[in-house]
Amino acid sequence: MKQFTTLLEAAEFAATRCKSWSFATADDRYDVKGLLVLAETSDSENPIDEDSFYVVSPAGAIGLCEDGEDIDWLFLSDAALNEDLPLTYNKSC
């Protein structure tokens, strides 16, 4: 999985793998345009710490690694609803 320093960068990359997402903890759904707007707003209003980063799964799910190890999955890819997402970040993935 590739690392990104902003949610917008992660969302732009995820958009090359998927065209719609579900928010992991709610029924909210996003298309590419909606996710990019949300990501840009989130980055400007609530940037992540310098030790944190975003990751994108092979199917386009977006997660946040706040401690560089555990992944908090934020947006799930509608392209692969049953994707087996790791709970920790492994640089070799």
PDB file of N, CA and C in Angstrom:
ATOM      1  N   MET A   1       0.835  -1.173   0.000  1.00  0.00           N
ATOM      2  CA  MET A   1       0.000   0.000   0.000  1.00  0.00           C
ATOM      3  C   MET A   1       0.882   1.239   0.000  1.00  0.00           C
ATOM      4  N   LYS A   2       0.470   2.215  -0.749  1.00  0.00           N
ATOM      5  CA  LYS A   2       1.214   3.452  -0.866  1.00  0.00           C
ATOM      6  C   LYS A   2       0.772   4.442   0.209  1.00  0.00           C
ATOM      7  N   GLN A   3       1.721   5.236   0.729  1.00  0.00           N
ATOM      8  CA  GLN A   3       1.437   6.246   1.748  1.00  0.00           C
ATOM      9  C   GLN A   3       1.171   7.602   1.101  1.00  0.00           C
ATOM     10  N   PHE A   4       0.292   8.385   1.755  1.00  0.00           N
ATOM     11  CA  PHE A   4      -0.026   9.738   1.300  1.00  0.00           C
ATOM     12  C   PHE A   4      -0.062  10.665   2.501  1.00  0.00           C
ATOM     13  N   THR A   5       0.406  11.886   2.336  1.00  0.00           N
ATOM     14  CA  THR A   5       0.435  12.832   3.450  1.00  0.00           C
ATOM     15  C   THR A   5      -0.862  13.616   3.595  1.00  0.00           C
ATOM     16  N   THR A   6      -1.702  13.633   2.559  1.00  0.00           N
ATOM     17  CA  THR A   6      -2.987  14.320   2.659  1.00  0.00           C
ATOM     18  C   THR A   6      -4.103  13.384   2.205  1.00  0.00           C
ATOM     19  N   LEU A   7      -5.290  13.649   2.704  1.00  0.00           N
ATOM     20  CA  LEU A   7      -6.450  12.867   2.283  1.00  0.00           C
ATOM     21  C   LEU A   7      -6.757  13.124   0.817  1.00  0.00           C
ATOM     22  N   LEU A   8      -6.525  14.343   0.343  1.00  0.00           N
ATOM     23  CA  LEU A   8      -6.780  14.646  -1.064  1.00  0.00           C
ATOM     24  C   LEU A   8      -5.890  13.804  -1.972  1.00  0.00           C
ATOM     25  N   GLU A   9      -4.612  13.684  -1.645  1.00  0.00           N
ATOM     26  CA  GLU A   9      -3.714  12.847  -2.449  1.00  0.00           C
ATOM     27  C   GLU A   9      -4.185  11.396  -2.439  1.00  0.00           C
ATOM     28  N   ALA A  10      -4.585  10.908  -1.272  1.00  0.00           N
ATOM     29  CA  ALA A  10      -5.072   9.529  -1.168  1.00  0.00           C
ATOM     30  C   ALA A  10      -6.355   9.354  -1.981  1.00  0.00           C
ATOM     31  N   ALA A  11      -7.258  10.316  -1.914  1.00  0.00           N
ATOM     32  CA  ALA A  11      -8.523  10.233  -2.653  1.00  0.00           C
ATOM     33  C   ALA A  11      -8.292  10.277  -4.158  1.00  0.00           C
ATOM     34  N   GLU A  12      -7.371  11.115  -4.601  1.00  0.00           N
ATOM     35  CA  GLU A  12      -7.059  11.177  -6.037  1.00  0.00           C
ATOM     36  C   GLU A  12      -6.516   9.838  -6.522  1.00  0.00           C
ATOM     37  N   PHE A  13      -5.647   9.220  -5.734  1.00  0.00           N
ATOM     38  CA  PHE A  13      -5.106   7.914  -6.108  1.00  0.00           C
ATOM     39  C   PHE A  13      -6.201   6.846  -6.052  1.00  0.00           C
ATOM     40  N   ALA A  14      -7.015   6.867  -5.011  1.00  0.00           N
ATOM     41  CA  ALA A  14      -8.104   5.888  -4.869  1.00  0.00           C
ATOM     42  C   ALA A  14      -9.077   5.978  -6.038  1.00  0.00           C
ATOM     43  N   ALA A  15      -9.262   7.182  -6.578  1.00  0.00           N
ATOM     44  CA  ALA A  15     -10.172   7.381  -7.696  1.00  0.00           C
ATOM     45  C   ALA A  15      -9.693   6.685  -8.968  1.00  0.00           C
ATOM     46  N   THR A  16      -8.424   6.295  -9.012  1.00  0.00           N
ATOM     47  CA  THR A  16      -7.928   5.534 -10.163  1.00  0.00           C
ATOM     48  C   THR A  16      -8.273   4.054 -10.022  1.00  0.00           C
ATOM     49  N   ARG A  17      -8.713   3.654  -8.831  1.00  0.00           N
ATOM     50  CA  ARG A  17      -9.020   2.251  -8.545  1.00  0.00           C
ATOM     51  C   ARG A  17     -10.496   1.984  -8.313  1.00  0.00           C
ATOM     52  N   CYS A  18     -11.260   3.019  -8.036  1.00  0.00           N
ATOM     53  CA  CYS A  18     -12.662   2.865  -7.648  1.00  0.00           C
ATOM     54  C   CYS A  18     -13.407   4.145  -8.001  1.00  0.00           C
ATOM     55  N   LYS A  19     -14.708   4.074  -8.144  1.00  0.00           N
ATOM     56  CA  LYS A  19     -15.507   5.265  -8.494  1.00  0.00           C
ATOM     57  C   LYS A  19     -16.536   5.622  -7.436  1.00  0.00           C
ATOM     58  N   SER A  20     -16.672   4.803  -6.387  1.00  0.00           N
ATOM     59  CA  SER A  20     -17.600   5.148  -5.304  1.00  0.00           C
ATOM     60  C   SER A  20     -17.164   4.462  -4.015  1.00  0.00           C
ATOM     61  N   TRP A  21     -17.497   5.121  -2.877  1.00  0.00           N
ATOM     62  CA  TRP A  21     -17.072   4.658  -1.559  1.00  0.00           C
ATOM     63  C   TRP A  21     -18.202   4.799  -0.559  1.00  0.00           C
ATOM     64  N   SER A  22     -18.107   4.033   0.503  1.00  0.00           N
ATOM     65  CA  SER A  22     -19.000   4.158   1.649  1.00  0.00           C
ATOM     66  C   SER A  22     -18.141   4.577   2.829  1.00  0.00           C
ATOM     67  N   PHE A  23     -18.666   5.473   3.663  1.00  0.00           N
ATOM     68  CA  PHE A  23     -17.956   5.846   4.878  1.00  0.00           C
ATOM     69  C   PHE A  23     -17.992   4.638   5.802  1.00  0.00           C
ATOM     70  N   ALA A  24     -16.883   4.309   6.417  1.00  0.00           N
ATOM     71  CA  ALA A  24     -16.749   3.064   7.173  1.00  0.00           C
ATOM     72  C   ALA A  24     -17.696   2.945   8.361  1.00  0.00           C
ATOM     73  N   THR A  25     -18.036   4.054   8.995  1.00  0.00           N
ATOM     74  CA  THR A  25     -18.847   3.978  10.214  1.00  0.00           C
ATOM     75  C   THR A  25     -20.242   4.559  10.052  1.00  0.00           C
ATOM     76  N   ALA A  26     -20.666   4.794   8.820  1.00  0.00           N
ATOM     77  CA  ALA A  26     -22.003   5.347   8.574  1.00  0.00           C
ATOM     78  C   ALA A  26     -22.491   4.891   7.206  1.00  0.00           C
ATOM     79  N   ASP A  27     -23.696   5.252   6.878  1.00  0.00           N
ATOM     80  CA  ASP A  27     -24.266   4.879   5.587  1.00  0.00           C
ATOM     81  C   ASP A  27     -23.988   5.902   4.492  1.00  0.00           C
ATOM     82  N   ASP A  28     -23.124   6.878   4.769  1.00  0.00           N
ATOM     83  CA  ASP A  28     -22.800   7.908   3.782  1.00  0.00           C
ATOM     84  C   ASP A  28     -22.070   7.290   2.601  1.00  0.00           C
ATOM     85  N   ARG A  29     -22.420   7.744   1.388  1.00  0.00           N
ATOM     86  CA  ARG A  29     -21.802   7.248   0.165  1.00  0.00           C
ATOM     87  C   ARG A  29     -21.232   8.431  -0.606  1.00  0.00           C
ATOM     88  N   TYR A  30     -20.133   8.179  -1.304  1.00  0.00           N
ATOM     89  CA  TYR A  30     -19.443   9.236  -2.031  1.00  0.00           C
ATOM     90  C   TYR A  30     -19.069   8.775  -3.426  1.00  0.00           C
ATOM     91  N   ASP A  31     -19.273   9.666  -4.397  1.00  0.00           N
ATOM     92  CA  ASP A  31     -18.734   9.435  -5.731  1.00  0.00           C
ATOM     93  C   ASP A  31     -17.373  10.143  -5.778  1.00  0.00           C
ATOM     94  N   VAL A  32     -16.702  10.107  -6.910  1.00  0.00           N
ATOM     95  CA  VAL A  32     -15.362  10.694  -7.007  1.00  0.00           C
ATOM     96  C   VAL A  32     -15.394  12.180  -6.647  1.00  0.00           C
ATOM     97  N   LYS A  33     -16.287  12.929  -7.253  1.00  0.00           N
ATOM     98  CA  LYS A  33     -16.351  14.370  -7.011  1.00  0.00           C
ATOM     99  C   LYS A  33     -16.616  14.670  -5.535  1.00  0.00           C
ATOM    100  N   GLY A  34     -17.584  13.973  -4.943  1.00  0.00           N
ATOM    101  CA  GLY A  34     -17.918  14.189  -3.541  1.00  0.00           C
ATOM    102  C   GLY A  34     -16.772  13.866  -2.611  1.00  0.00           C
ATOM    103  N   LEU A  35     -16.055  12.773  -2.890  1.00  0.00           N
ATOM    104  CA  LEU A  35     -14.926  12.386  -2.049  1.00  0.00           C
ATOM    105  C   LEU A  35     -13.795  13.400  -2.159  1.00  0.00           C
ATOM    106  N   LEU A  36     -13.528  13.893  -3.359  1.00  0.00           N
ATOM    107  CA  LEU A  36     -12.454  14.866  -3.540  1.00  0.00           C
ATOM    108  C   LEU A  36     -12.761  16.176  -2.820  1.00  0.00           C
ATOM    109  N   VAL A  37     -14.006  16.619  -2.875  1.00  0.00           N
ATOM    110  CA  VAL A  37     -14.406  17.839  -2.159  1.00  0.00           C
ATOM    111  C   VAL A  37     -14.264  17.635  -0.655  1.00  0.00           C
ATOM    112  N   LEU A  38     -14.747  16.508  -0.151  1.00  0.00           N
ATOM    113  CA  LEU A  38     -14.642  16.198   1.267  1.00  0.00           C
ATOM    114  C   LEU A  38     -13.177  16.126   1.707  1.00  0.00           C
ATOM    115  N   ALA A  39     -12.344  15.494   0.905  1.00  0.00           N
ATOM    116  CA  ALA A  39     -10.924  15.351   1.233  1.00  0.00           C
ATOM    117  C   ALA A  39     -10.234  16.704   1.291  1.00  0.00           C
ATOM    118  N   GLU A  40     -10.498  17.558   0.328  1.00  0.00           N
ATOM    119  CA  GLU A  40      -9.877  18.885   0.313  1.00  0.00           C
ATOM    120  C   GLU A  40     -10.307  19.706   1.531  1.00  0.00           C
ATOM    121  N   THR A  41     -11.585  19.638   1.870  1.00  0.00           N
ATOM    122  CA  THR A  41     -12.101  20.346   3.045  1.00  0.00           C
ATOM    123  C   THR A  41     -11.479  19.796   4.320  1.00  0.00           C
ATOM    124  N   SER A  42     -11.405  18.483   4.438  1.00  0.00           N
ATOM    125  CA  SER A  42     -10.826  17.854   5.615  1.00  0.00           C
ATOM    126  C   SER A  42      -9.359  18.249   5.797  1.00  0.00           C
ATOM    127  N   ASP A  43      -8.611  18.252   4.704  1.00  0.00           N
ATOM    128  CA  ASP A  43      -7.187  18.623   4.778  1.00  0.00           C
ATOM    129  C   ASP A  43      -7.006  20.067   5.244  1.00  0.00           C
ATOM    130  N   SER A  44      -7.865  20.965   4.779  1.00  0.00           N
ATOM    131  CA  SER A  44      -7.706  22.371   5.149  1.00  0.00           C
ATOM    132  C   SER A  44      -8.202  22.655   6.564  1.00  0.00           C
ATOM    133  N   GLU A  45      -9.226  21.943   7.018  1.00  0.00           N
ATOM    134  CA  GLU A  45      -9.795  22.204   8.338  1.00  0.00           C
ATOM    135  C   GLU A  45      -9.180  21.358   9.451  1.00  0.00           C
ATOM    136  N   ASN A  46      -8.692  20.170   9.105  1.00  0.00           N
ATOM    137  CA  ASN A  46      -8.203  19.250  10.130  1.00  0.00           C
ATOM    138  C   ASN A  46      -7.053  18.403   9.587  1.00  0.00           C
ATOM    139  N   PRO A  47      -5.887  19.029   9.330  1.00  0.00           N
ATOM    140  CA  PRO A  47      -4.764  18.239   8.798  1.00  0.00           C
ATOM    141  C   PRO A  47      -4.272  17.213   9.824  1.00  0.00           C
ATOM    142  N   ILE A  48      -3.708  16.132   9.320  1.00  0.00           N
ATOM    143  CA  ILE A  48      -3.205  15.077  10.204  1.00  0.00           C
ATOM    144  C   ILE A  48      -1.834  15.463  10.754  1.00  0.00           C
ATOM    145  N   ASP A  49      -1.414  14.784  11.835  1.00  0.00           N
ATOM    146  CA  ASP A  49      -0.096  15.005  12.431  1.00  0.00           C
ATOM    147  C   ASP A  49       0.993  14.582  11.451  1.00  0.00           C
ATOM    148  N   GLU A  50       2.190  15.123  11.641  1.00  0.00           N
ATOM    149  CA  GLU A  50       3.292  14.809  10.723  1.00  0.00           C
ATOM    150  C   GLU A  50       3.725  13.352  10.785  1.00  0.00           C
ATOM    151  N   ASP A  51       3.433  12.643  11.859  1.00  0.00           N
ATOM    152  CA  ASP A  51       3.788  11.228  11.971  1.00  0.00           C
ATOM    153  C   ASP A  51       2.707  10.307  11.401  1.00  0.00           C
ATOM    154  N   SER A  52       1.608  10.882  10.951  1.00  0.00           N
ATOM    155  CA  SER A  52       0.491  10.098  10.422  1.00  0.00           C
ATOM    156  C   SER A  52       0.510  10.121   8.900  1.00  0.00           C
ATOM    157  N   PHE A  53      -0.221   9.179   8.302  1.00  0.00           N
ATOM    158  CA  PHE A  53      -0.336   9.135   6.843  1.00  0.00           C
ATOM    159  C   PHE A  53      -1.579   8.344   6.458  1.00  0.00           C
ATOM    160  N   TYR A  54      -2.008   8.527   5.225  1.00  0.00           N
ATOM    161  CA  TYR A  54      -3.131   7.788   4.663  1.00  0.00           C
ATOM    162  C   TYR A  54      -2.596   6.660   3.800  1.00  0.00           C
ATOM    163  N   VAL A  55      -3.371   5.588   3.665  1.00  0.00           N
ATOM    164  CA  VAL A  55      -3.040   4.476   2.773  1.00  0.00           C
ATOM    165  C   VAL A  55      -4.255   4.182   1.895  1.00  0.00           C
ATOM    166  N   VAL A  56      -3.995   3.589   0.739  1.00  0.00           N
ATOM    167  CA  VAL A  56      -5.055   3.188  -0.178  1.00  0.00           C
ATOM    168  C   VAL A  56      -4.871   1.704  -0.488  1.00  0.00           C
ATOM    169  N   SER A  57      -5.949   0.942  -0.333  1.00  0.00           N
ATOM    170  CA  SER A  57      -5.904  -0.499  -0.597  1.00  0.00           C
ATOM    171  C   SER A  57      -5.899  -0.759  -2.106  1.00  0.00           C
ATOM    172  N   PRO A  58      -5.622  -1.983  -2.513  1.00  0.00           N
ATOM    173  CA  PRO A  58      -5.652  -2.318  -3.936  1.00  0.00           C
ATOM    174  C   PRO A  58      -6.994  -2.023  -4.621  1.00  0.00           C
ATOM    175  N   ALA A  59      -8.095  -2.108  -3.883  1.00  0.00           N
ATOM    176  CA  ALA A  59      -9.415  -1.845  -4.467  1.00  0.00           C
ATOM    177  C   ALA A  59      -9.861  -0.394  -4.292  1.00  0.00           C
ATOM    178  N   GLY A  60      -9.059   0.427  -3.584  1.00  0.00           N
ATOM    179  CA  GLY A  60      -9.377   1.846  -3.455  1.00  0.00           C
ATOM    180  C   GLY A  60      -9.934   2.286  -2.116  1.00  0.00           C
ATOM    181  N   ALA A  61      -9.943   1.418  -1.109  1.00  0.00           N
ATOM    182  CA  ALA A  61     -10.359   1.838   0.234  1.00  0.00           C
ATOM    183  C   ALA A  61      -9.283   2.767   0.796  1.00  0.00           C
ATOM    184  N   ILE A  62      -9.693   3.724   1.632  1.00  0.00           N
ATOM    185  CA  ILE A  62      -8.760   4.705   2.194  1.00  0.00           C
ATOM    186  C   ILE A  62      -8.725   4.556   3.708  1.00  0.00           C
ATOM    187  N   GLY A  63      -7.511   4.442   4.237  1.00  0.00           N
ATOM    188  CA  GLY A  63      -7.335   4.315   5.673  1.00  0.00           C
ATOM    189  C   GLY A  63      -6.360   5.342   6.207  1.00  0.00           C
ATOM    190  N   LEU A  64      -6.412   5.555   7.519  1.00  0.00           N
ATOM    191  CA  LEU A  64      -5.522   6.486   8.198  1.00  0.00           C
ATOM    192  C   LEU A  64      -4.661   5.731   9.195  1.00  0.00           C
ATOM    193  N   CYS A  65      -3.356   5.947   9.123  1.00  0.00           N
ATOM    194  CA  CYS A  65      -2.405   5.386  10.089  1.00  0.00           C
ATOM    195  C   CYS A  65      -1.915   6.539  10.957  1.00  0.00           C
ATOM    196  N   GLU A  66      -2.461   6.635  12.154  1.00  0.00           N
ATOM    197  CA  GLU A  66      -2.053   7.727  13.042  1.00  0.00           C
ATOM    198  C   GLU A  66      -0.771   7.417  13.780  1.00  0.00           C
ATOM    199  N   ASP A  67      -0.492   6.171  14.008  1.00  0.00           N
ATOM    200  CA  ASP A  67       0.715   5.800  14.749  1.00  0.00           C
ATOM    201  C   ASP A  67       1.737   5.099  13.857  1.00  0.00           C
ATOM    202  N   GLY A  68       1.479   5.101  12.557  1.00  0.00           N
ATOM    203  CA  GLY A  68       2.383   4.432  11.634  1.00  0.00           C
ATOM    204  C   GLY A  68       2.243   2.932  11.618  1.00  0.00           C
ATOM    205  N   GLU A  69       1.276   2.405  12.354  1.00  0.00           N
ATOM    206  CA  GLU A  69       1.101   0.962  12.407  1.00  0.00           C
ATOM    207  C   GLU A  69      -0.361   0.556  12.235  1.00  0.00           C
ATOM    208  N   ASP A  70      -1.248   0.933  13.174  1.00  0.00           N
ATOM    209  CA  ASP A  70      -2.665   0.565  13.092  1.00  0.00           C
ATOM    210  C   ASP A  70      -3.371   1.379  12.019  1.00  0.00           C
ATOM    211  N   ILE A  71      -4.237   0.718  11.258  1.00  0.00           N
ATOM    212  CA  ILE A  71      -4.985   1.390  10.195  1.00  0.00           C
ATOM    213  C   ILE A  71      -6.436   1.550  10.634  1.00  0.00           C
ATOM    214  N   ASP A  72      -6.923   2.784  10.578  1.00  0.00           N
ATOM    215  CA  ASP A  72      -8.324   3.097  10.816  1.00  0.00           C
ATOM    216  C   ASP A  72      -8.936   3.332   9.435  1.00  0.00           C
ATOM    217  N   TRP A  73      -9.717   2.371   8.951  1.00  0.00           N
ATOM    218  CA  TRP A  73     -10.288   2.477   7.610  1.00  0.00           C
ATOM    219  C   TRP A  73     -11.425   3.492   7.610  1.00  0.00           C
ATOM    220  N   LEU A  74     -11.331   4.498   6.746  1.00  0.00           N
ATOM    221  CA  LEU A  74     -12.285   5.595   6.694  1.00  0.00           C
ATOM    222  C   LEU A  74     -13.320   5.418   5.594  1.00  0.00           C
ATOM    223  N   PHE A  75     -12.854   5.092   4.396  1.00  0.00           N
ATOM    224  CA  PHE A  75     -13.725   4.955   3.228  1.00  0.00           C
ATOM    225  C   PHE A  75     -13.526   3.577   2.622  1.00  0.00           C
ATOM    226  N   LEU A  76     -14.610   2.847   2.465  1.00  0.00           N
ATOM    227  CA  LEU A  76     -14.557   1.498   1.907  1.00  0.00           C
ATOM    228  C   LEU A  76     -14.934   1.535   0.441  1.00  0.00           C
ATOM    229  N   SER A  77     -14.214   0.816  -0.356  1.00  0.00           N
ATOM    230  CA  SER A  77     -14.433   0.775  -1.797  1.00  0.00           C
ATOM    231  C   SER A  77     -15.699   0.006  -2.138  1.00  0.00           C
ATOM    232  N   ASP A  78     -16.558   0.615  -2.930  1.00  0.00           N
ATOM    233  CA  ASP A  78     -17.742  -0.096  -3.411  1.00  0.00           C
ATOM    234  C   ASP A  78     -17.390  -1.092  -4.512  1.00  0.00           C
ATOM    235  N   ALA A  79     -16.153  -1.004  -5.038  1.00  0.00           N
ATOM    236  CA  ALA A  79     -15.714  -1.925  -6.082  1.00  0.00           C
ATOM    237  C   ALA A  79     -15.408  -3.310  -5.510  1.00  0.00           C
ATOM    238  N   ALA A  80     -15.113  -3.364  -4.213  1.00  0.00           N
ATOM    239  CA  ALA A  80     -14.780  -4.644  -3.568  1.00  0.00           C
ATOM    240  C   ALA A  80     -15.285  -4.609  -2.130  1.00  0.00           C
ATOM    241  N   LEU A  81     -16.574  -4.775  -1.973  1.00  0.00           N
ATOM    242  CA  LEU A  81     -17.192  -4.666  -0.655  1.00  0.00           C
ATOM    243  C   LEU A  81     -16.657  -5.675   0.352  1.00  0.00           C
ATOM    244  N   ASN A  82     -16.177  -6.804  -0.114  1.00  0.00           N
ATOM    245  CA  ASN A  82     -15.663  -7.841   0.783  1.00  0.00           C
ATOM    246  C   ASN A  82     -14.135  -7.895   0.807  1.00  0.00           C
ATOM    247  N   GLU A  83     -13.493  -6.783   0.446  1.00  0.00           N
ATOM    248  CA  GLU A  83     -12.032  -6.745   0.440  1.00  0.00           C
ATOM    249  C   GLU A  83     -11.498  -7.019   1.847  1.00  0.00           C
ATOM    250  N   ASP A  84     -10.490  -7.858   1.933  1.00  0.00           N
ATOM    251  CA  ASP A  84      -9.870  -8.206   3.202  1.00  0.00           C
ATOM    252  C   ASP A  84      -8.846  -7.103   3.541  1.00  0.00           C
ATOM    253  N   LEU A  85      -9.251  -6.157   4.398  1.00  0.00           N
ATOM    254  CA  LEU A  85      -8.404  -5.015   4.725  1.00  0.00           C
ATOM    255  C   LEU A  85      -7.563  -5.313   5.957  1.00  0.00           C
ATOM    256  N   PRO A  86      -6.266  -5.031   5.885  1.00  0.00           N
ATOM    257  CA  PRO A  86      -5.406  -5.274   7.039  1.00  0.00           C
ATOM    258  C   PRO A  86      -5.694  -4.284   8.166  1.00  0.00           C
ATOM    259  N   LEU A  87      -5.419  -4.679   9.394  1.00  0.00           N
ATOM    260  CA  LEU A  87      -5.623  -3.821  10.549  1.00  0.00           C
ATOM    261  C   LEU A  87      -4.358  -3.046  10.912  1.00  0.00           C
ATOM    262  N   THR A  88      -3.215  -3.493  10.364  1.00  0.00           N
ATOM    263  CA  THR A  88      -1.952  -2.802  10.619  1.00  0.00           C
ATOM    264  C   THR A  88      -1.238  -2.548   9.292  1.00  0.00           C
ATOM    265  N   TYR A  89      -0.373  -1.550   9.299  1.00  0.00           N
ATOM    266  CA  TYR A  89       0.371  -1.186   8.105  1.00  0.00           C
ATOM    267  C   TYR A  89       1.665  -1.987   8.036  1.00  0.00           C
ATOM    268  N   ASN A  90       1.909  -2.554   6.877  1.00  0.00           N
ATOM    269  CA  ASN A  90       3.127  -3.309   6.626  1.00  0.00           C
ATOM    270  C   ASN A  90       3.763  -2.713   5.389  1.00  0.00           C
ATOM    271  N   LYS A  91       4.959  -2.169   5.505  1.00  0.00           N
ATOM    272  CA  LYS A  91       5.631  -1.497   4.394  1.00  0.00           C
ATOM    273  C   LYS A  91       5.791  -2.374   3.172  1.00  0.00           C
ATOM    274  N   SER A  92       5.796  -3.672   3.330  1.00  0.00           N
ATOM    275  CA  SER A  92       6.004  -4.569   2.198  1.00  0.00           C
ATOM    276  C   SER A  92       4.736  -4.788   1.373  1.00  0.00           C
ATOM    277  N   CYS A  93       3.590  -4.298   1.853  1.00  0.00           N
ATOM    278  CA  CYS A  93       2.326  -4.495   1.118  1.00  0.00           C
ATOM    279  C   CYS A  93       2.277  -3.636  -0.123  1.00  0.00           C
TER     280      CYS A  93
END
